[in-house]
PDB file of N, CA and C in Angstrom:
ATOM      1  N   MET A   1       6.353   6.923  22.134  1.00  0.00           N
ATOM      2  CA  MET A   1       5.251   6.553  22.442  1.00  0.00           C
ATOM      3  C   MET A   1       5.324   5.646  23.720  1.00  0.00           C
ATOM      4  N   ALA A   2       4.905   5.980  24.518  1.00  0.00           N
ATOM      5  CA  ALA A   2       4.876   4.985  25.998  1.00  0.00           C
ATOM      6  C   ALA A   2       4.996   3.763  26.191  1.00  0.00           C
ATOM      7  N   ASP A   3       5.457   2.951  27.128  1.00  0.00           N
ATOM      8  CA  ASP A   3       5.058   1.652  26.834  1.00  0.00           C
ATOM      9  C   ASP A   3       4.135   0.521  26.819  1.00  0.00           C
ATOM     10  N   PHE A   4       3.773  -0.124  26.548  1.00  0.00           N
ATOM     11  CA  PHE A   4       2.975  -0.782  26.393  1.00  0.00           C
ATOM     12  C   PHE A   4       2.275  -1.451  27.539  1.00  0.00           C
ATOM     13  N   ARG A   5       1.558  -1.696  27.964  1.00  0.00           N
ATOM     14  CA  ARG A   5       1.298  -1.978  29.152  1.00  0.00           C
ATOM     15  C   ARG A   5      -0.261  -3.572  28.840  1.00  0.00           C
ATOM     16  N   ILE A   6      -0.028  -4.405  28.962  1.00  0.00           N
ATOM     17  CA  ILE A   6      -1.124  -5.627  28.502  1.00  0.00           C
ATOM     18  C   ILE A   6      -2.276  -5.777  28.797  1.00  0.00           C
ATOM     19  N   ASP A   7      -1.957  -5.406  30.500  1.00  0.00           N
ATOM     20  CA  ASP A   7      -3.513  -5.621  31.055  1.00  0.00           C
ATOM     21  C   ASP A   7      -3.811  -3.969  31.335  1.00  0.00           C
ATOM     22  N   GLU A   8      -3.679  -3.089  30.453  1.00  0.00           N
ATOM     23  CA  GLU A   8      -4.507  -1.876  30.202  1.00  0.00           C
ATOM     24  C   GLU A   8      -4.797  -1.368  29.092  1.00  0.00           C
ATOM     25  N   ASP A   9      -4.082  -2.495  27.759  1.00  0.00           N
ATOM     26  CA  ASP A   9      -4.077  -1.436  26.510  1.00  0.00           C
ATOM     27  C   ASP A   9      -4.600  -2.574  25.454  1.00  0.00           C
ATOM     28  N   ILE A  10      -5.323  -4.008  26.180  1.00  0.00           N
ATOM     29  CA  ILE A  10      -6.078  -4.514  25.502  1.00  0.00           C
ATOM     30  C   ILE A  10      -7.650  -4.689  25.552  1.00  0.00           C
ATOM     31  N   ARG A  11      -8.283  -4.195  24.764  1.00  0.00           N
ATOM     32  CA  ARG A  11      -9.781  -4.363  25.156  1.00  0.00           C
ATOM     33  C   ARG A  11     -10.365  -5.433  24.081  1.00  0.00           C
ATOM     34  N   SER A  12     -11.418  -5.418  24.761  1.00  0.00           N
ATOM     35  CA  SER A  12     -12.385  -6.549  23.281  1.00  0.00           C
ATOM     36  C   SER A  12     -13.025  -5.222  22.802  1.00  0.00           C
ATOM     37  N   LEU A  13     -13.733  -5.411  21.058  1.00  0.00           N
ATOM     38  CA  LEU A  13     -14.401  -4.738  20.322  1.00  0.00           C
ATOM     39  C   LEU A  13     -15.378  -3.707  21.374  1.00  0.00           C
ATOM     40  N   SER A  14     -16.439  -5.275  22.267  1.00  0.00           N
ATOM     41  CA  SER A  14     -17.567  -5.236  22.848  1.00  0.00           C
ATOM     42  C   SER A  14     -17.281  -3.930  23.748  1.00  0.00           C
ATOM     43  N   GLU A  15     -16.104  -3.864  24.286  1.00  0.00           N
ATOM     44  CA  GLU A  15     -15.825  -3.173  25.024  1.00  0.00           C
ATOM     45  C   GLU A  15     -15.498  -1.223  24.993  1.00  0.00           C
ATOM     46  N   PHE A  16     -14.795  -1.805  23.891  1.00  0.00           N
ATOM     47  CA  PHE A  16     -14.620  -0.299  23.096  1.00  0.00           C
ATOM     48  C   PHE A  16     -15.442   0.364  22.618  1.00  0.00           C
ATOM     49  N   ARG A  17     -16.856  -0.555  22.207  1.00  0.00           N
ATOM     50  CA  ARG A  17     -17.841  -0.175  21.737  1.00  0.00           C
ATOM     51  C   ARG A  17     -18.651   0.285  23.093  1.00  0.00           C
ATOM     52  N   ALA A  18     -19.143   0.154  24.051  1.00  0.00           N
ATOM     53  CA  ALA A  18     -19.267   0.651  25.778  1.00  0.00           C
ATOM     54  C   ALA A  18     -18.353   1.746  25.770  1.00  0.00           C
ATOM     55  N   GLY A  19     -17.285   2.264  25.756  1.00  0.00           N
ATOM     56  CA  GLY A  19     -17.226   3.341  26.283  1.00  0.00           C
ATOM     57  C   GLY A  19     -15.787   3.912  25.370  1.00  0.00           C
ATOM     58  N   VAL A  20     -16.093   3.881  23.844  1.00  0.00           N
ATOM     59  CA  VAL A  20     -15.617   4.707  23.235  1.00  0.00           C
ATOM     60  C   VAL A  20     -14.696   5.893  23.705  1.00  0.00           C
ATOM     61  N   ALA A  21     -15.501   6.855  24.339  1.00  0.00           N
ATOM     62  CA  ALA A  21     -14.964   8.199  24.518  1.00  0.00           C
ATOM     63  C   ALA A  21     -13.900   8.093  25.813  1.00  0.00           C
ATOM     64  N   GLY A  22     -14.097   7.320  26.496  1.00  0.00           N
ATOM     65  CA  GLY A  22     -13.363   6.726  27.656  1.00  0.00           C
ATOM     66  C   GLY A  22     -11.759   6.313  27.219  1.00  0.00           C
ATOM     67  N   PHE A  23     -12.060   5.614  26.252  1.00  0.00           N
ATOM     68  CA  PHE A  23     -11.110   5.102  25.458  1.00  0.00           C
ATOM     69  C   PHE A  23     -10.068   5.944  24.561  1.00  0.00           C
ATOM     70  N   VAL A  24     -10.769   6.812  24.520  1.00  0.00           N
ATOM     71  CA  VAL A  24      -9.827   7.689  23.275  1.00  0.00           C
ATOM     72  C   VAL A  24      -9.393   8.377  24.156  1.00  0.00           C
ATOM     73  N   LYS A  25     -10.132   9.178  25.643  1.00  0.00           N
ATOM     74  CA  LYS A  25      -8.900   9.866  26.424  1.00  0.00           C
ATOM     75  C   LYS A  25      -7.931   9.118  26.946  1.00  0.00           C
ATOM     76  N   GLN A  26      -8.308   7.774  27.110  1.00  0.00           N
ATOM     77  CA  GLN A  26      -7.137   6.868  27.753  1.00  0.00           C
ATOM     78  C   GLN A  26      -5.848   6.915  26.653  1.00  0.00           C
ATOM     79  N   VAL A  27      -5.950   6.778  25.206  1.00  0.00           N
ATOM     80  CA  VAL A  27      -4.984   6.981  24.529  1.00  0.00           C
ATOM     81  C   VAL A  27      -4.461   8.303  24.638  1.00  0.00           C
ATOM     82  N   GLN A  28      -4.962   9.462  24.580  1.00  0.00           N
ATOM     83  CA  GLN A  28      -4.419  10.721  24.433  1.00  0.00           C
ATOM     84  C   GLN A  28      -4.195  11.142  25.536  1.00  0.00           C
ATOM     85  N   GLU A  29      -4.134  10.429  26.883  1.00  0.00           N
ATOM     86  CA  GLU A  29      -3.794  11.273  28.534  1.00  0.00           C
ATOM     87  C   GLU A  29      -2.145   9.845  28.602  1.00  0.00           C
ATOM     88  N   THR A  30      -2.442   8.821  28.257  1.00  0.00           N
ATOM     89  CA  THR A  30      -1.196   7.995  28.306  1.00  0.00           C
ATOM     90  C   THR A  30      -0.146   7.988  26.999  1.00  0.00           C
ATOM     91  N   GLY A  31      -0.556   8.354  26.322  1.00  0.00           N
ATOM     92  CA  GLY A  31      -0.004   8.062  24.840  1.00  0.00           C
ATOM     93  C   GLY A  31       0.418   6.565  24.516  1.00  0.00           C
ATOM     94  N   ARG A  32      -0.384   5.927  25.044  1.00  0.00           N
ATOM     95  CA  ARG A  32       0.002   4.304  24.945  1.00  0.00           C
ATOM     96  C   ARG A  32      -1.150   3.921  23.562  1.00  0.00           C
ATOM     97  N   PRO A  33      -0.682   2.720  22.744  1.00  0.00           N
ATOM     98  CA  PRO A  33      -1.804   2.662  21.790  1.00  0.00           C
ATOM     99  C   PRO A  33      -2.873   1.697  22.717  1.00  0.00           C
ATOM    100  N   LEU A  34      -3.521   1.341  22.098  1.00  0.00           N
ATOM    101  CA  LEU A  34      -4.930   0.633  22.630  1.00  0.00           C
ATOM    102  C   LEU A  34      -5.176  -0.545  21.249  1.00  0.00           C
ATOM    103  N   VAL A  35      -5.286  -1.680  21.670  1.00  0.00           N
ATOM    104  CA  VAL A  35      -5.179  -2.904  20.797  1.00  0.00           C
ATOM    105  C   VAL A  35      -6.668  -3.292  20.946  1.00  0.00           C
ATOM    106  N   LEU A  36      -7.487  -3.312  20.170  1.00  0.00           N
ATOM    107  CA  LEU A  36      -8.678  -4.047  20.159  1.00  0.00           C
ATOM    108  C   LEU A  36      -8.782  -5.369  19.716  1.00  0.00           C
ATOM    109  N   THR A  37      -9.696  -6.144  20.443  1.00  0.00           N
ATOM    110  CA  THR A  37      -9.373  -7.620  19.852  1.00  0.00           C
ATOM    111  C   THR A  37     -11.062  -8.418  19.892  1.00  0.00           C
ATOM    112  N   GLN A  38     -11.131  -8.933  18.717  1.00  0.00           N
ATOM    113  CA  GLN A  38     -12.280  -9.929  18.391  1.00  0.00           C
ATOM    114  C   GLN A  38     -12.136 -11.482  18.290  1.00  0.00           C
ATOM    115  N   HIS A  39     -12.954 -11.910  19.314  1.00  0.00           N
ATOM    116  CA  HIS A  39     -12.740 -13.555  19.123  1.00  0.00           C
ATOM    117  C   HIS A  39     -11.331 -13.757  19.833  1.00  0.00           C
ATOM    118  N   GLY A  40     -10.971 -12.814  20.861  1.00  0.00           N
ATOM    119  CA  GLY A  40      -9.389 -12.940  21.257  1.00  0.00           C
ATOM    120  C   GLY A  40      -8.626 -13.173  20.610  1.00  0.00           C
ATOM    121  N   ARG A  41      -8.882 -12.444  19.215  1.00  0.00           N
ATOM    122  CA  ARG A  41      -7.339 -11.937  18.648  1.00  0.00           C
ATOM    123  C   ARG A  41      -7.522 -10.552  17.873  1.00  0.00           C
ATOM    124  N   GLY A  42      -6.313  -9.851  18.309  1.00  0.00           N
ATOM    125  CA  GLY A  42      -6.131  -8.485  17.645  1.00  0.00           C
ATOM    126  C   GLY A  42      -6.521  -8.033  16.441  1.00  0.00           C
ATOM    127  N   VAL A  43      -7.016  -6.905  15.999  1.00  0.00           N
ATOM    128  CA  VAL A  43      -7.983  -7.027  14.735  1.00  0.00           C
ATOM    129  C   VAL A  43      -8.168  -5.209  14.592  1.00  0.00           C
ATOM    130  N   ALA A  44      -7.801  -4.330  15.209  1.00  0.00           N
ATOM    131  CA  ALA A  44      -7.530  -3.115  15.429  1.00  0.00           C
ATOM    132  C   ALA A  44      -6.307  -2.441  16.137  1.00  0.00           C
ATOM    133  N   VAL A  45      -5.882  -1.783  16.057  1.00  0.00           N
ATOM    134  CA  VAL A  45      -5.130  -0.649  16.945  1.00  0.00           C
ATOM    135  C   VAL A  45      -5.818   0.946  17.050  1.00  0.00           C
ATOM    136  N   LEU A  46      -5.811   1.758  18.383  1.00  0.00           N
ATOM    137  CA  LEU A  46      -6.518   2.553  18.039  1.00  0.00           C
ATOM    138  C   LEU A  46      -5.022   2.998  18.998  1.00  0.00           C
ATOM    139  N   LEU A  47      -4.613   4.556  18.105  1.00  0.00           N
ATOM    140  CA  LEU A  47      -3.520   5.149  18.004  1.00  0.00           C
ATOM    141  C   LEU A  47      -3.732   6.684  18.099  1.00  0.00           C
ATOM    142  N   GLY A  48      -3.100   7.883  19.128  1.00  0.00           N
ATOM    143  CA  GLY A  48      -3.403   9.088  18.765  1.00  0.00           C
ATOM    144  C   GLY A  48      -2.746   9.743  17.515  1.00  0.00           C
ATOM    145  N   ALA A  49      -3.466  10.864  17.380  1.00  0.00           N
ATOM    146  CA  ALA A  49      -3.414  11.486  15.835  1.00  0.00           C
ATOM    147  C   ALA A  49      -2.124  11.992  15.973  1.00  0.00           C
ATOM    148  N   HIS A  50      -1.142  12.222  17.009  1.00  0.00           N
ATOM    149  CA  HIS A  50      -0.047  12.805  17.223  1.00  0.00           C
ATOM    150  C   HIS A  50       1.336  11.864  16.800  1.00  0.00           C
ATOM    151  N   GLU A  51       0.914  10.833  17.215  1.00  0.00           N
ATOM    152  CA  GLU A  51       2.072   9.547  17.634  1.00  0.00           C
ATOM    153  C   GLU A  51       1.809   9.162  16.266  1.00  0.00           C
ATOM    154  N   PHE A  52       0.360   9.356  15.707  1.00  0.00           N
ATOM    155  CA  PHE A  52       0.175   8.608  14.478  1.00  0.00           C
ATOM    156  C   PHE A  52       1.210   9.226  13.650  1.00  0.00           C
ATOM    157  N   ALA A  53       0.928  10.429  13.518  1.00  0.00           N
ATOM    158  CA  ALA A  53       1.782  11.294  12.270  1.00  0.00           C
ATOM    159  C   ALA A  53       3.556  11.250  12.461  1.00  0.00           C
ATOM    160  N   ALA A  54       3.886  10.920  13.826  1.00  0.00           N
ATOM    161  CA  ALA A  54       5.108  10.782  14.169  1.00  0.00           C
ATOM    162  C   ALA A  54       5.601   9.561  13.407  1.00  0.00           C
ATOM    163  N   MET A  55       4.964   8.863  13.755  1.00  0.00           N
ATOM    164  CA  MET A  55       5.000   7.102  13.127  1.00  0.00           C
ATOM    165  C   MET A  55       5.220   7.452  11.899  1.00  0.00           C
ATOM    166  N   GLN A  56       4.778   7.991  11.068  1.00  0.00           N
ATOM    167  CA  GLN A  56       4.348   8.042   9.319  1.00  0.00           C
ATOM    168  C   GLN A  56       5.795   8.914   8.997  1.00  0.00           C
ATOM    169  N   GLU A  57       5.809   9.865  10.131  1.00  0.00           N
ATOM    170  CA  GLU A  57       7.971  10.365   9.581  1.00  0.00           C
ATOM    171  C   GLU A  57       8.397   9.684   9.891  1.00  0.00           C
ATOM    172  N   ARG A  58       8.768   8.766  10.404  1.00  0.00           N
ATOM    173  CA  ARG A  58       9.474   7.809  11.275  1.00  0.00           C
ATOM    174  C   ARG A  58       9.666   6.861  10.221  1.00  0.00           C
ATOM    175  N   LEU A  59       8.614   6.036   9.724  1.00  0.00           N
ATOM    176  CA  LEU A  59       8.576   5.451   8.732  1.00  0.00           C
ATOM    177  C   LEU A  59       9.458   5.624   6.936  1.00  0.00           C
ATOM    178  N   ALA A  60       8.838   7.189   7.129  1.00  0.00           N
ATOM    179  CA  ALA A  60       9.139   7.925   5.620  1.00  0.00           C
ATOM    180  C   ALA A  60      11.004   7.781   5.255  1.00  0.00           C
ATOM    181  N   LEU A  61      11.335   8.220   6.897  1.00  0.00           N
ATOM    182  CA  LEU A  61      12.752   8.258   6.791  1.00  0.00           C
ATOM    183  C   LEU A  61      13.681   7.290   7.063  1.00  0.00           C
ATOM    184  N   LEU A  62      12.766   6.262   7.855  1.00  0.00           N
ATOM    185  CA  LEU A  62      13.914   4.576   7.348  1.00  0.00           C
ATOM    186  C   LEU A  62      13.063   3.920   5.479  1.00  0.00           C
ATOM    187  N   GLU A  63      12.285   3.924   5.232  1.00  0.00           N
ATOM    188  CA  GLU A  63      11.930   4.034   3.797  1.00  0.00           C
ATOM    189  C   GLU A  63      13.231   4.760   2.751  1.00  0.00           C
ATOM    190  N   ASP A  64      13.788   5.796   2.683  1.00  0.00           N
ATOM    191  CA  ASP A  64      14.926   6.892   2.365  1.00  0.00           C
ATOM    192  C   ASP A  64      15.806   6.131   2.511  1.00  0.00           C
ATOM    193  N   ILE A  65      15.704   6.033   4.140  1.00  0.00           N
ATOM    194  CA  ILE A  65      16.991   4.942   4.358  1.00  0.00           C
ATOM    195  C   ILE A  65      17.334   3.810   3.634  1.00  0.00           C
ATOM    196  N   TYR A  66      16.466   3.076   3.509  1.00  0.00           N
ATOM    197  CA  TYR A  66      16.119   2.145   2.546  1.00  0.00           C
ATOM    198  C   TYR A  66      16.656   1.886   1.212  1.00  0.00           C
ATOM    199  N   ARG A  67      16.053   2.614   0.724  1.00  0.00           N
ATOM    200  CA  ARG A  67      16.438   3.201  -0.357  1.00  0.00           C
ATOM    201  C   ARG A  67      18.121   3.414  -1.168  1.00  0.00           C
ATOM    202  N   ALA A  68      18.358   4.492  -0.167  1.00  0.00           N
ATOM    203  CA  ALA A  68      19.877   4.690  -0.057  1.00  0.00           C
ATOM    204  C   ALA A  68      20.724   3.487   0.039  1.00  0.00           C
ATOM    205  N   GLU A  69      20.514   2.816   0.881  1.00  0.00           N
ATOM    206  CA  GLU A  69      21.205   1.657   0.945  1.00  0.00           C
ATOM    207  C   GLU A  69      21.310   0.809  -0.335  1.00  0.00           C
ATOM    208  N   GLN A  70      20.013   0.306  -1.071  1.00  0.00           N
ATOM    209  CA  GLN A  70      19.816   0.003  -2.176  1.00  0.00           C
ATOM    210  C   GLN A  70      20.692   0.757  -3.350  1.00  0.00           C
ATOM    211  N   ASP A  71      20.075   1.724  -3.183  1.00  0.00           N
ATOM    212  CA  ASP A  71      21.209   2.375  -4.401  1.00  0.00           C
ATOM    213  C   ASP A  71      22.953   2.205  -3.888  1.00  0.00           C
ATOM    214  N   ILE A  72      23.268   2.325  -2.517  1.00  0.00           N
ATOM    215  CA  ILE A  72      24.577   2.118  -2.795  1.00  0.00           C
ATOM    216  C   ILE A  72      25.204   1.337  -3.255  1.00  0.00           C
ATOM    217  N   ALA A  73      24.123   0.251  -2.947  1.00  0.00           N
ATOM    218  CA  ALA A  73      24.489  -1.882  -2.884  1.00  0.00           C
ATOM    219  C   ALA A  73      24.879  -1.999  -4.139  1.00  0.00           C
ATOM    220  N   ALA A  74      23.714  -0.919  -5.023  1.00  0.00           N
ATOM    221  CA  ALA A  74      24.078  -1.004  -6.453  1.00  0.00           C
ATOM    222  C   ALA A  74      24.593  -0.311  -7.169  1.00  0.00           C
ATOM    223  N   GLY A  75      25.691  -0.008  -6.681  1.00  0.00           N
ATOM    224  CA  GLY A  75      26.800   0.992  -7.122  1.00  0.00           C
ATOM    225  C   GLY A  75      26.405   2.581  -7.531  1.00  0.00           C
ATOM    226  N   LYS A  76      25.053   2.927  -6.769  1.00  0.00           N
ATOM    227  CA  LYS A  76      24.467   4.442  -7.899  1.00  0.00           C
ATOM    228  C   LYS A  76      25.230   5.265  -6.529  1.00  0.00           C
ATOM    229  N   GLY A  77      25.884   5.137  -5.464  1.00  0.00           N
ATOM    230  CA  GLY A  77      26.295   6.372  -4.250  1.00  0.00           C
ATOM    231  C   GLY A  77      27.314   7.135  -5.238  1.00  0.00           C
ATOM    232  N   VAL A  78      27.545   8.188  -4.238  1.00  0.00           N
ATOM    233  CA  VAL A  78      28.982   9.246  -4.818  1.00  0.00           C
ATOM    234  C   VAL A  78      29.777   9.666  -3.709  1.00  0.00           C
ATOM    235  N   ALA A  79      30.680   9.243  -3.735  1.00  0.00           N
ATOM    236  CA  ALA A  79      31.474   9.506  -2.893  1.00  0.00           C
ATOM    237  C   ALA A  79      31.663  10.460  -1.841  1.00  0.00           C
ATOM    238  N   HIS A  80      31.765  10.508  -0.651  1.00  0.00           N
ATOM    239  CA  HIS A  80      31.595  12.033  -0.111  1.00  0.00           C
ATOM    240  C   HIS A  80      32.207  12.577  -0.620  1.00  0.00           C
ATOM    241  N   GLU A  81      33.556  13.172  -1.105  1.00  0.00           N
ATOM    242  CA  GLU A  81      34.450  14.201  -1.157  1.00  0.00           C
ATOM    243  C   GLU A  81      33.767  14.512  -2.886  1.00  0.00           C
ATOM    244  N   GLU A  82      33.048  13.680  -3.628  1.00  0.00           N
ATOM    245  CA  GLU A  82      32.493  14.121  -4.679  1.00  0.00           C
ATOM    246  C   GLU A  82      31.268  14.535  -4.465  1.00  0.00           C
ATOM    247  N   ALA A  83      30.407  14.196  -3.514  1.00  0.00           N
ATOM    248  CA  ALA A  83      29.676  14.986  -3.292  1.00  0.00           C
ATOM    249  C   ALA A  83      29.734  16.310  -2.623  1.00  0.00           C
ATOM    250  N   ARG A  84      30.736  16.266  -1.658  1.00  0.00           N
ATOM    251  CA  ARG A  84      30.979  17.626  -1.055  1.00  0.00           C
ATOM    252  C   ARG A  84      30.921  18.392  -2.592  1.00  0.00           C
ATOM    253  N   ARG A  85      31.884  18.023  -3.097  1.00  0.00           N
ATOM    254  CA  ARG A  85      32.481  19.238  -4.381  1.00  0.00           C
ATOM    255  C   ARG A  85      31.400  19.703  -4.878  1.00  0.00           C
ATOM    256  N   ARG A  86      30.405  18.618  -5.181  1.00  0.00           N
ATOM    257  CA  ARG A  86      29.331  18.943  -6.113  1.00  0.00           C
ATOM    258  C   ARG A  86      28.278  20.138  -5.167  1.00  0.00           C
ATOM    259  N   LEU A  87      28.172  19.499  -4.204  1.00  0.00           N
ATOM    260  CA  LEU A  87      27.066  20.854  -3.105  1.00  0.00           C
ATOM    261  C   LEU A  87      28.137  22.375  -3.251  1.00  0.00           C
ATOM    262  N   LEU A  88      29.184  21.791  -2.695  1.00  0.00           N
ATOM    263  CA  LEU A  88      30.055  23.158  -2.827  1.00  0.00           C
ATOM    264  C   LEU A  88      30.559  24.000  -4.100  1.00  0.00           C
ATOM    265  N   GLY A  89      30.587  23.451  -5.324  1.00  0.00           N
ATOM    266  CA  GLY A  89      30.735  23.893  -6.516  1.00  0.00           C
ATOM    267  C   GLY A  89      32.003  24.019  -6.772  1.00  0.00           C
ATOM    268  N   LYS A  90      33.071  22.889  -5.964  1.00  0.00           N
ATOM    269  CA  LYS A  90      34.311  23.186  -6.371  1.00  0.00           C
ATOM    270  C   LYS A  90      34.838  22.377  -7.464  1.00  0.00           C
TER     271      LYS A  90
END
């Protein structure tokens, strides 16, 4: 994801409604998300579909790592040599 630019990437909902197509094009061209505000507070983020999919993949990987760390901390891990032996069938 490209670097977020406060002066270009935060828009009010009313601005967004008036220029939806242009803002979608901006997100696609820049690769940056667009933060939408209502009454001065962030309420939504417009993100390109490919970037969203990539974020979902990264999140799934991080969740797998987190669960693996929990398993290791609970003593459910397998030593490297044991895992290798099991995988190689030796």
